Protein backbone atom coordinates (compact mmCIF):
# COMPACT_ATOMS: atom_id res chain seq x y z
CA MET A 1 -22.87 -25.32 3.15
CA GLY A 2 -22.12 -25.67 -0.58
CA ASP A 3 -18.53 -25.16 -1.71
CA LYS A 4 -19.55 -22.83 -4.54
CA LEU A 5 -20.84 -20.38 -1.96
CA PHE A 6 -17.18 -19.31 -1.52
CA ASP A 7 -16.41 -18.83 -5.22
CA MET A 8 -15.35 -15.29 -6.14
CA GLU A 9 -15.40 -13.36 -9.40
CA VAL A 10 -11.76 -12.33 -8.98
CA GLU A 11 -8.86 -14.59 -9.90
CA PRO A 12 -7.81 -16.84 -6.99
CA LEU A 13 -4.18 -17.15 -5.98
CA PRO A 14 -2.56 -19.90 -8.10
CA ALA A 15 -1.12 -22.77 -6.08
CA LEU A 16 2.26 -22.56 -7.83
CA GLU A 17 2.45 -18.84 -7.02
CA LEU A 18 1.87 -19.53 -3.34
CA LYS A 19 4.44 -22.32 -3.26
CA SER A 20 7.09 -20.05 -4.77
CA ARG A 21 6.37 -17.42 -2.11
CA ILE A 22 6.75 -19.95 0.67
CA LYS A 23 9.97 -21.33 -0.81
CA MET A 24 11.36 -17.79 -0.97
CA LEU A 25 10.72 -17.28 2.75
CA GLN A 26 12.02 -20.77 3.58
CA SER A 27 15.26 -19.92 1.78
CA GLU A 28 15.67 -16.84 3.97
CA MET A 29 14.81 -18.90 7.06
CA SER A 30 17.53 -21.41 6.16
CA LYS A 31 20.10 -18.63 5.86
CA ARG A 32 19.15 -17.38 9.32
CA GLU A 33 18.77 -20.91 10.80
CA ILE A 34 15.11 -20.28 11.67
CA ASP A 35 13.17 -23.52 12.16
CA GLY A 36 9.66 -22.16 11.67
CA ALA A 37 7.68 -18.96 11.28
CA LEU A 38 4.26 -17.80 12.45
CA ILE A 39 2.54 -15.37 10.05
CA SER A 40 -0.09 -13.14 11.63
CA GLY A 41 -0.47 -9.91 9.63
CA LEU A 42 -3.59 -9.69 7.48
CA ALA A 43 -1.76 -8.87 4.25
CA ASN A 44 0.86 -11.51 4.98
CA LYS A 45 -1.76 -14.20 5.62
CA TYR A 46 -3.26 -13.36 2.25
CA TYR A 47 0.20 -13.46 0.66
CA PHE A 48 1.14 -16.85 2.11
CA GLY A 49 -2.34 -18.41 2.45
CA GLY A 50 -4.52 -17.07 -0.35
CA ILE A 51 -7.25 -15.82 2.00
CA VAL A 52 -7.47 -13.67 5.13
CA GLN A 53 -8.93 -15.59 8.05
CA GLN A 54 -8.68 -15.21 11.80
CA GLY A 55 -5.68 -17.24 12.82
CA MET A 56 -2.04 -17.76 11.86
CA ILE A 57 0.02 -19.54 9.22
CA TYR A 58 2.88 -21.75 10.38
CA ILE A 59 5.68 -22.12 7.83
CA ASP A 60 8.17 -24.87 8.54
CA ARG A 61 11.67 -24.36 7.19
CA GLU A 62 11.49 -27.57 5.15
CA GLY A 63 7.91 -28.82 5.25
CA GLU A 64 4.50 -27.65 4.06
CA ALA A 65 2.83 -24.58 5.52
CA VAL A 66 -0.14 -24.94 7.89
CA TYR A 67 -3.05 -22.48 8.09
CA LEU A 68 -4.22 -22.42 11.72
CA VAL A 69 -7.77 -21.05 11.51
CA ARG A 70 -9.83 -19.89 14.44
CA SER A 71 -12.93 -18.83 12.52
CA GLY A 72 -14.07 -19.78 9.03
CA VAL A 73 -12.10 -23.01 8.58
CA GLU A 74 -14.57 -24.39 6.01
CA ARG A 75 -14.06 -21.38 3.74
CA ALA A 76 -10.28 -21.44 4.25
CA LYS A 77 -10.12 -25.11 3.28
CA TYR A 78 -12.02 -24.43 0.07
CA VAL A 79 -10.18 -21.26 -0.93
CA SER A 80 -6.59 -21.62 0.25
CA PRO A 81 -4.15 -23.49 -1.99
CA LEU A 82 -2.49 -24.80 1.17
CA ASP A 83 -3.02 -28.53 1.77
CA ASN A 84 -2.90 -28.17 5.56
CA VAL A 85 -5.77 -26.04 6.85
CA VAL A 86 -6.76 -26.92 10.41
CA SER A 87 -8.97 -25.48 13.10
CA PHE A 88 -7.56 -24.33 16.41
CA ALA A 89 -9.12 -22.66 19.41
CA ARG A 90 -6.20 -21.47 21.51
CA TYR A 91 -2.45 -21.00 21.25
CA SER A 92 -1.87 -24.03 23.45
CA ASP A 93 -3.27 -26.14 20.56
CA ILE A 94 -0.36 -25.26 18.30
CA PRO A 95 2.22 -27.78 19.65
CA ARG A 96 -0.32 -30.62 19.39
CA ILE A 97 -1.30 -29.66 15.82
CA LEU A 98 2.32 -29.49 14.71
CA ASN A 99 3.08 -32.86 16.32
CA ASP A 100 0.02 -34.43 14.65
CA LEU A 101 1.32 -33.21 11.29
CA GLY A 102 4.78 -34.63 11.95
CA TYR A 103 6.55 -31.35 12.67
CA ALA A 104 8.96 -30.91 15.55
CA ILE A 105 8.42 -27.93 17.82
CA PRO A 106 10.77 -25.26 16.43
CA GLY A 107 13.76 -24.28 18.48
CA LYS A 108 13.94 -20.91 16.75
CA LEU A 109 10.64 -19.34 15.67
CA GLY A 110 10.23 -16.29 13.46
CA PHE A 111 7.36 -13.87 13.99
CA GLU A 112 6.32 -10.42 12.76
CA SER A 113 7.24 -8.03 15.57
CA ASP A 114 5.56 -5.21 13.65
CA ARG A 115 2.22 -7.08 13.49
CA VAL A 116 1.95 -9.06 16.75
CA PRO A 117 0.73 -7.13 19.83
CA VAL A 118 2.87 -7.49 22.96
CA ALA A 119 0.00 -9.22 24.80
CA VAL A 120 -0.26 -11.89 22.10
CA PHE A 121 3.51 -12.30 21.98
CA GLU A 122 3.63 -12.83 25.75
CA ARG A 123 0.92 -15.50 25.49
CA LEU A 124 2.83 -17.23 22.71
CA LYS A 125 6.04 -17.19 24.77
CA LYS A 126 4.20 -18.65 27.74
CA THR A 127 2.49 -21.32 25.64
CA LEU A 128 5.54 -22.23 23.57
CA GLY A 129 8.02 -22.09 26.41
CA GLY A 130 11.69 -22.58 25.66
CA ILE A 131 11.50 -21.35 22.08
CA ASP A 132 13.89 -18.69 20.80
CA PHE A 133 11.82 -16.01 19.02
CA CYS A 134 13.25 -13.80 16.28
CA ASP A 135 11.81 -11.09 14.07
CA ILE A 136 11.09 -11.85 10.39
CA SER A 137 9.15 -8.67 9.56
CA GLU A 138 11.78 -7.29 7.21
CA SER A 139 12.23 -10.64 5.48
CA VAL A 140 8.52 -10.78 4.68
CA LEU A 141 8.37 -7.16 3.50
CA PHE A 142 11.37 -7.63 1.19
CA ALA A 143 9.84 -10.84 -0.19
CA ARG A 144 6.63 -8.95 -1.00
CA MET A 145 8.53 -6.03 -2.55
CA ILE A 146 9.16 -7.80 -5.88
CA LYS A 147 5.87 -8.47 -7.64
CA SER A 148 5.20 -11.56 -9.72
CA ASP A 149 3.41 -11.46 -13.07
CA TYR A 150 0.21 -12.45 -11.25
CA GLU A 151 0.56 -9.58 -8.80
CA VAL A 152 1.32 -7.07 -11.58
CA GLN A 153 -1.89 -8.16 -13.27
CA GLN A 154 -3.89 -7.51 -10.08
CA ILE A 155 -2.33 -4.06 -9.59
CA ARG A 156 -3.05 -3.15 -13.21
CA LYS A 157 -6.70 -3.95 -12.50
CA ALA A 158 -6.55 -1.85 -9.32
CA ALA A 159 -5.29 1.01 -11.50
CA ARG A 160 -8.34 0.59 -13.75
CA VAL A 161 -10.54 0.89 -10.66
CA VAL A 162 -9.05 4.23 -9.59
CA ASP A 163 -9.01 5.42 -13.21
CA ALA A 164 -12.77 4.77 -13.39
CA GLY A 165 -13.42 7.17 -10.52
CA ILE A 166 -11.00 9.98 -11.28
CA VAL A 167 -11.66 10.13 -15.02
CA LYS A 168 -15.23 11.24 -14.28
CA VAL A 169 -14.26 14.14 -12.00
CA PRO A 170 -14.55 16.79 -14.77
CA GLU A 171 -18.20 15.90 -15.35
CA MET A 172 -18.95 15.55 -11.62
CA LEU A 173 -17.25 18.71 -10.36
CA ARG A 174 -19.51 21.73 -9.92
CA GLU A 175 -19.38 24.93 -7.91
CA GLY A 176 -20.93 24.70 -4.47
CA MET A 177 -20.74 20.95 -4.04
CA THR A 178 -18.86 19.79 -0.94
CA GLU A 179 -15.59 17.89 -0.88
CA LEU A 180 -17.46 15.01 0.72
CA GLU A 181 -20.06 14.96 -2.05
CA LEU A 182 -17.42 14.78 -4.77
CA GLN A 183 -15.52 12.09 -2.89
CA ALA A 184 -18.70 10.02 -2.49
CA LYS A 185 -19.37 10.22 -6.23
CA ILE A 186 -15.82 9.11 -7.04
CA GLU A 187 -15.97 6.27 -4.54
CA TYR A 188 -19.31 5.16 -5.98
CA GLU A 189 -17.76 4.71 -9.41
CA MET A 190 -14.84 2.82 -7.89
CA ARG A 191 -17.10 0.54 -5.86
CA LEU A 192 -19.03 -0.36 -8.99
CA MET A 193 -15.70 -1.41 -10.51
CA GLY A 194 -15.01 -3.78 -7.62
CA HIS A 195 -13.31 -1.71 -4.91
CA PRO A 196 -14.02 -3.35 -1.50
CA GLY A 197 -14.19 0.03 0.27
CA GLY A 198 -11.13 -0.28 2.52
CA VAL A 199 -7.40 0.33 2.29
CA ARG A 200 -4.73 -1.59 4.21
CA SER A 201 -1.70 0.23 5.56
CA HIS A 202 1.41 -1.35 7.06
CA GLY A 203 2.46 1.66 9.10
CA TRP A 204 1.77 1.49 12.82
CA ASP A 205 -1.14 3.59 14.12
CA GLN A 206 -2.28 4.56 10.63
CA GLU A 207 -5.74 4.30 9.10
CA PHE A 208 -6.81 5.25 5.60
CA GLY A 209 -10.04 5.73 3.77
CA VAL A 210 -10.27 5.25 0.02
CA GLY A 211 -8.67 8.64 -0.57
CA ALA A 212 -9.18 12.36 -0.18
CA VAL A 213 -10.77 15.22 -2.11
CA LEU A 214 -9.31 18.50 -0.83
CA SER A 215 -10.20 21.96 -2.11
CA GLY A 216 -8.64 25.37 -1.61
CA GLU A 217 -6.91 26.00 1.69
CA ASN A 218 -8.03 22.62 3.04
CA GLY A 219 -5.36 21.05 0.85
CA VAL A 220 -2.66 22.64 3.00
CA ILE A 221 -3.85 21.12 6.29
CA GLY A 222 -1.34 18.47 7.36
CA ASN A 223 -2.15 14.85 8.08
CA TYR A 224 -2.09 13.21 11.51
CA MET A 225 -0.36 10.25 9.85
CA ALA A 226 2.66 9.79 7.59
CA ALA A 227 0.97 11.08 4.45
CA VAL A 228 1.52 14.11 2.23
CA LEU A 229 -2.09 15.24 2.06
CA GLY A 230 -4.25 15.68 5.12
CA GLY A 231 -7.35 17.82 4.91
CA LYS A 232 -9.84 18.96 7.51
CA GLY A 233 -11.89 15.78 7.70
CA LEU A 234 -15.37 15.48 9.21
CA SER A 235 -14.42 15.34 12.90
CA ASN A 236 -11.48 15.49 15.27
CA GLY A 237 -11.93 11.75 15.78
CA MET A 238 -10.46 11.28 12.29
CA PRO A 239 -9.02 14.71 11.39
CA ALA A 240 -8.12 14.13 7.74
CA GLY A 241 -9.83 13.69 4.41
CA PRO A 242 -12.75 15.50 2.77
CA SER A 243 -14.95 17.91 4.68
CA THR A 244 -18.23 19.71 4.14
CA ARG A 245 -16.36 22.70 2.68
CA LYS A 246 -17.99 23.90 -0.54
CA ILE A 247 -15.78 23.86 -3.61
CA LYS A 248 -15.26 27.21 -5.31
CA LYS A 249 -14.16 28.40 -8.71
CA ASN A 250 -10.56 29.37 -9.41
CA GLU A 251 -9.04 27.19 -6.68
CA PRO A 252 -7.17 23.87 -6.79
CA VAL A 253 -9.07 20.68 -6.08
CA ILE A 254 -6.64 17.81 -5.50
CA VAL A 255 -8.03 14.30 -5.71
CA ASP A 256 -5.88 11.51 -4.22
CA MET A 257 -7.52 8.08 -4.48
CA VAL A 258 -6.48 4.46 -3.98
CA GLY A 259 -7.75 1.78 -6.33
CA CYS A 260 -8.09 -1.80 -5.14
CA TRP A 261 -8.60 -5.11 -6.89
CA ASN A 262 -8.36 -8.55 -5.34
CA GLY A 263 -6.52 -7.16 -2.31
CA TYR A 264 -3.94 -5.17 -4.31
CA TYR A 265 -3.64 -1.37 -4.50
CA ALA A 266 -2.75 1.35 -6.99
CA ASP A 267 -2.34 5.01 -6.00
CA MET A 268 -3.12 8.11 -8.07
CA SER A 269 -3.55 11.88 -7.60
CA ARG A 270 -4.82 14.50 -10.02
CA THR A 271 -5.44 18.25 -9.71
CA PHE A 272 -8.58 19.95 -11.02
CA CYS A 273 -9.92 23.51 -11.17
CA MET A 274 -13.13 25.21 -12.26
CA GLY A 275 -11.93 28.37 -13.94
CA GLU A 276 -8.33 29.50 -13.59
CA LEU A 277 -5.76 28.60 -10.98
CA PRO A 278 -3.79 31.38 -9.31
CA GLU A 279 -0.55 31.81 -11.25
CA VAL A 280 1.65 30.49 -8.42
CA ALA A 281 -0.41 27.29 -8.21
CA LEU A 282 -0.53 26.83 -11.98
CA THR A 283 3.24 27.25 -12.28
CA GLY A 284 3.75 24.89 -9.34
CA TYR A 285 1.51 22.24 -10.86
CA GLN A 286 3.43 22.30 -14.12
CA TRP A 287 6.66 22.00 -12.13
CA CYS A 288 5.30 18.90 -10.33
CA LYS A 289 4.39 17.27 -13.64
CA ASP A 290 7.81 17.99 -15.10
CA LEU A 291 9.52 16.82 -11.92
CA GLN A 292 7.75 13.48 -11.99
CA HIS A 293 9.10 12.76 -15.45
CA ASP A 294 12.58 13.79 -14.32
CA ILE A 295 12.29 11.52 -11.27
CA VAL A 296 11.31 8.55 -13.39
CA SER A 297 14.22 9.22 -15.72
CA GLN A 298 16.64 9.19 -12.78
CA MET A 299 15.07 6.01 -11.39
CA ALA A 300 15.46 4.32 -14.78
CA LYS A 301 19.18 5.10 -14.66
CA GLY A 302 19.49 3.22 -11.37
CA LEU A 303 20.10 6.19 -9.05
CA PRO A 304 19.85 4.93 -5.42
CA PHE A 305 16.76 6.19 -3.65
CA SER A 306 18.85 7.91 -0.98
CA GLU A 307 20.59 9.99 -3.65
CA LEU A 308 17.39 10.38 -5.67
CA THR A 309 15.57 11.83 -2.66
CA GLU A 310 18.39 14.27 -1.97
CA TRP A 311 18.34 15.28 -5.65
CA ILE A 312 14.55 15.81 -5.59
CA PHE A 313 14.54 17.99 -2.48
CA ASN A 314 17.47 19.99 -3.87
CA LYS A 315 15.46 20.55 -7.06
CA ALA A 316 12.61 21.89 -4.93
CA ASP A 317 14.97 24.25 -3.11
CA GLU A 318 16.47 25.48 -6.39
CA ALA A 319 12.99 26.16 -7.80
CA GLY A 320 12.03 28.15 -4.71
CA TYR A 321 9.64 25.49 -3.42
CA GLY A 322 11.64 24.27 -0.46
CA GLU A 323 9.02 25.45 2.04
CA ASN A 324 6.10 24.14 -0.04
CA PHE A 325 7.29 20.74 -1.22
CA MET A 326 5.73 17.60 0.35
CA GLY A 327 4.02 19.52 3.13
CA ILE A 328 4.53 22.62 5.24
CA GLY A 329 6.28 23.00 8.59
CA ASP A 330 6.16 19.95 10.85
CA ALA A 331 3.67 18.29 8.48
CA LYS A 332 6.37 17.96 5.78
CA VAL A 333 7.12 14.31 4.99
CA SER A 334 10.57 12.95 4.18
CA PHE A 335 9.56 10.60 1.36
CA VAL A 336 8.55 11.28 -2.25
CA GLY A 337 7.35 7.81 -3.17
CA HIS A 338 6.38 4.43 -1.77
CA GLY A 339 5.76 0.90 -2.89
CA VAL A 340 2.22 -0.36 -3.41
CA GLY A 341 0.93 -3.90 -3.36
CA LEU A 342 -1.05 -5.72 -0.69
CA GLU A 343 -0.70 -2.57 1.41
CA LEU A 344 -0.69 1.07 0.44
CA ASP A 345 2.76 1.51 1.93
CA ASP A 346 4.65 -1.53 0.69
CA TYR A 347 8.42 -1.50 0.30
CA PRO A 348 10.43 0.25 -1.08
CA VAL A 349 10.27 3.76 0.36
CA VAL A 350 11.79 6.55 -1.69
CA PHE A 351 13.53 8.54 1.04
CA ARG A 352 17.02 9.41 2.22
CA ARG A 353 17.62 6.26 4.27
CA TRP A 354 16.84 3.76 1.50
CA LYS A 355 20.17 2.78 -0.07
CA GLY A 356 18.82 0.57 -2.85
CA SER A 357 17.60 1.62 -6.29
CA ALA A 358 14.66 0.63 -8.49
CA ILE A 359 14.58 -3.13 -9.13
CA PRO A 360 12.54 -4.89 -11.82
CA GLY A 361 9.31 -6.12 -10.30
CA GLN A 362 8.87 -3.24 -7.88
CA ILE A 363 5.72 -1.13 -8.19
CA ILE A 364 6.16 2.38 -6.84
CA ALA A 365 3.87 5.39 -6.46
CA MET A 366 5.67 8.70 -6.97
CA GLU A 367 3.85 11.78 -5.67
CA PRO A 368 5.49 15.23 -6.01
CA LYS A 369 3.14 17.77 -4.43
CA LEU A 370 3.23 21.44 -3.41
CA MET A 371 1.25 23.28 -0.74
CA PHE A 372 0.55 27.02 -0.98
CA PRO A 373 -0.93 28.59 2.18
CA GLY A 374 -4.20 30.38 1.50
CA ILE A 375 -4.47 28.75 -1.94
CA GLY A 376 -4.29 24.97 -1.66
CA ALA A 377 -2.37 21.89 -2.81
CA VAL A 378 -1.37 20.88 -6.32
CA GLY A 379 0.51 17.88 -7.61
CA VAL A 380 0.35 14.55 -9.33
CA GLU A 381 0.80 10.92 -8.36
CA ASN A 382 1.19 7.89 -10.56
CA THR A 383 1.89 4.24 -9.94
CA TRP A 384 4.91 2.93 -11.86
CA LEU A 385 6.02 -0.61 -12.69
CA VAL A 386 9.77 -1.13 -12.83
CA LYS A 387 10.42 -3.36 -15.84
CA GLU A 388 13.58 -4.80 -17.34
CA LYS A 389 14.56 -4.24 -20.95
CA ALA A 390 17.93 -5.65 -21.91
CA ALA A 391 20.46 -4.16 -19.47
CA ASP A 392 18.38 -1.06 -18.76
CA ARG A 393 15.57 -0.47 -16.33
CA LYS A 394 12.35 0.84 -17.82
CA LEU A 395 9.39 2.24 -15.91
CA GLU A 396 5.81 1.93 -17.10
CA CYS A 397 3.03 4.17 -15.78
CA ILE A 398 0.01 2.00 -15.02
CA THR A 399 -2.35 4.77 -13.83
CA ASN A 400 -3.49 6.20 -17.11
CA THR A 401 -5.94 9.04 -16.42
CA GLY A 402 -4.59 12.16 -18.11
CA TYR A 403 -3.41 15.01 -15.92
CA GLU A 404 -3.81 18.13 -17.97
CA LEU A 405 -5.80 20.74 -16.03
């Protein structure tokens, strides 16, 4: 099989970038006296290995990382910047492979408790008997939270992908077409721009399509996952997203889509209408647009996310939108923004329990939205890069499609 068969049109992960990521985790491992770590999550294998393959990555606290590949070792060897890419068939092979490479069996081994199923963990414990296991999930998520220049470049390209779909909505949208039809047209444009067709989420028991087109009262239907927008969906097997409802004039059509490029995501929502929105929805939409700018201003000042979230929900209450903001009833969510990167729900989370503030290098999607029963949902979402300018934080919007109705 020729090596060039595995060449891709997207930019591969630079070797120096990968080494800096591994060194960052090794530094955290040293602080916690962790001898080695096994990386299993799909996004994390891409982050530390440069390609997603079936298997695990072993990161020694002081040595080179090892990609343990069960399937596709030839491709992994060609693509991954890691020098050590080896084939393995079962967990019992791991001690032998590590010994062959000159690594001692770790006394304390880190693993991702939020990625590894209990059954797999029990097999690892049985196979690697006598090892002290500890969780490194948070360490990995915090490492991924600050984006490098390379990652920012990929997310900018993901933003261009979602821009390409949403910018064409005004010429696509017509009375009588279904939500599903409009979504398919948007996704088509995004696929032509290089979207792979899937979206990774870190949250447990969550699954996402490329986005959602929701019209009229369907925009008020809550999600079965931790997301602001839900929708009716096409079946009770996946009760969210676009449906076969026909889009009408004079009602809100909210379009929430996720762009992807080279494994990285950008998130954007826009509201559309054929004709005129009901006054309450029009006023609410303008309030959401104004609020987003106010939020970004507060973030730029360094307001902790816990205080920022409290301030945002208080603003909604003061405006009379307390019952409408970020969902209705038990479908109301507690966050107003989330990180994006290799997963749609990267760190940080803008909610009351997050004590930190915006840090240069974070990329955050802010999404103020309102739901009006019997009318629909309105709102806006943009993806923002936290930059550093002198002593002040500065946020740059990287999703550029205009959001005037």
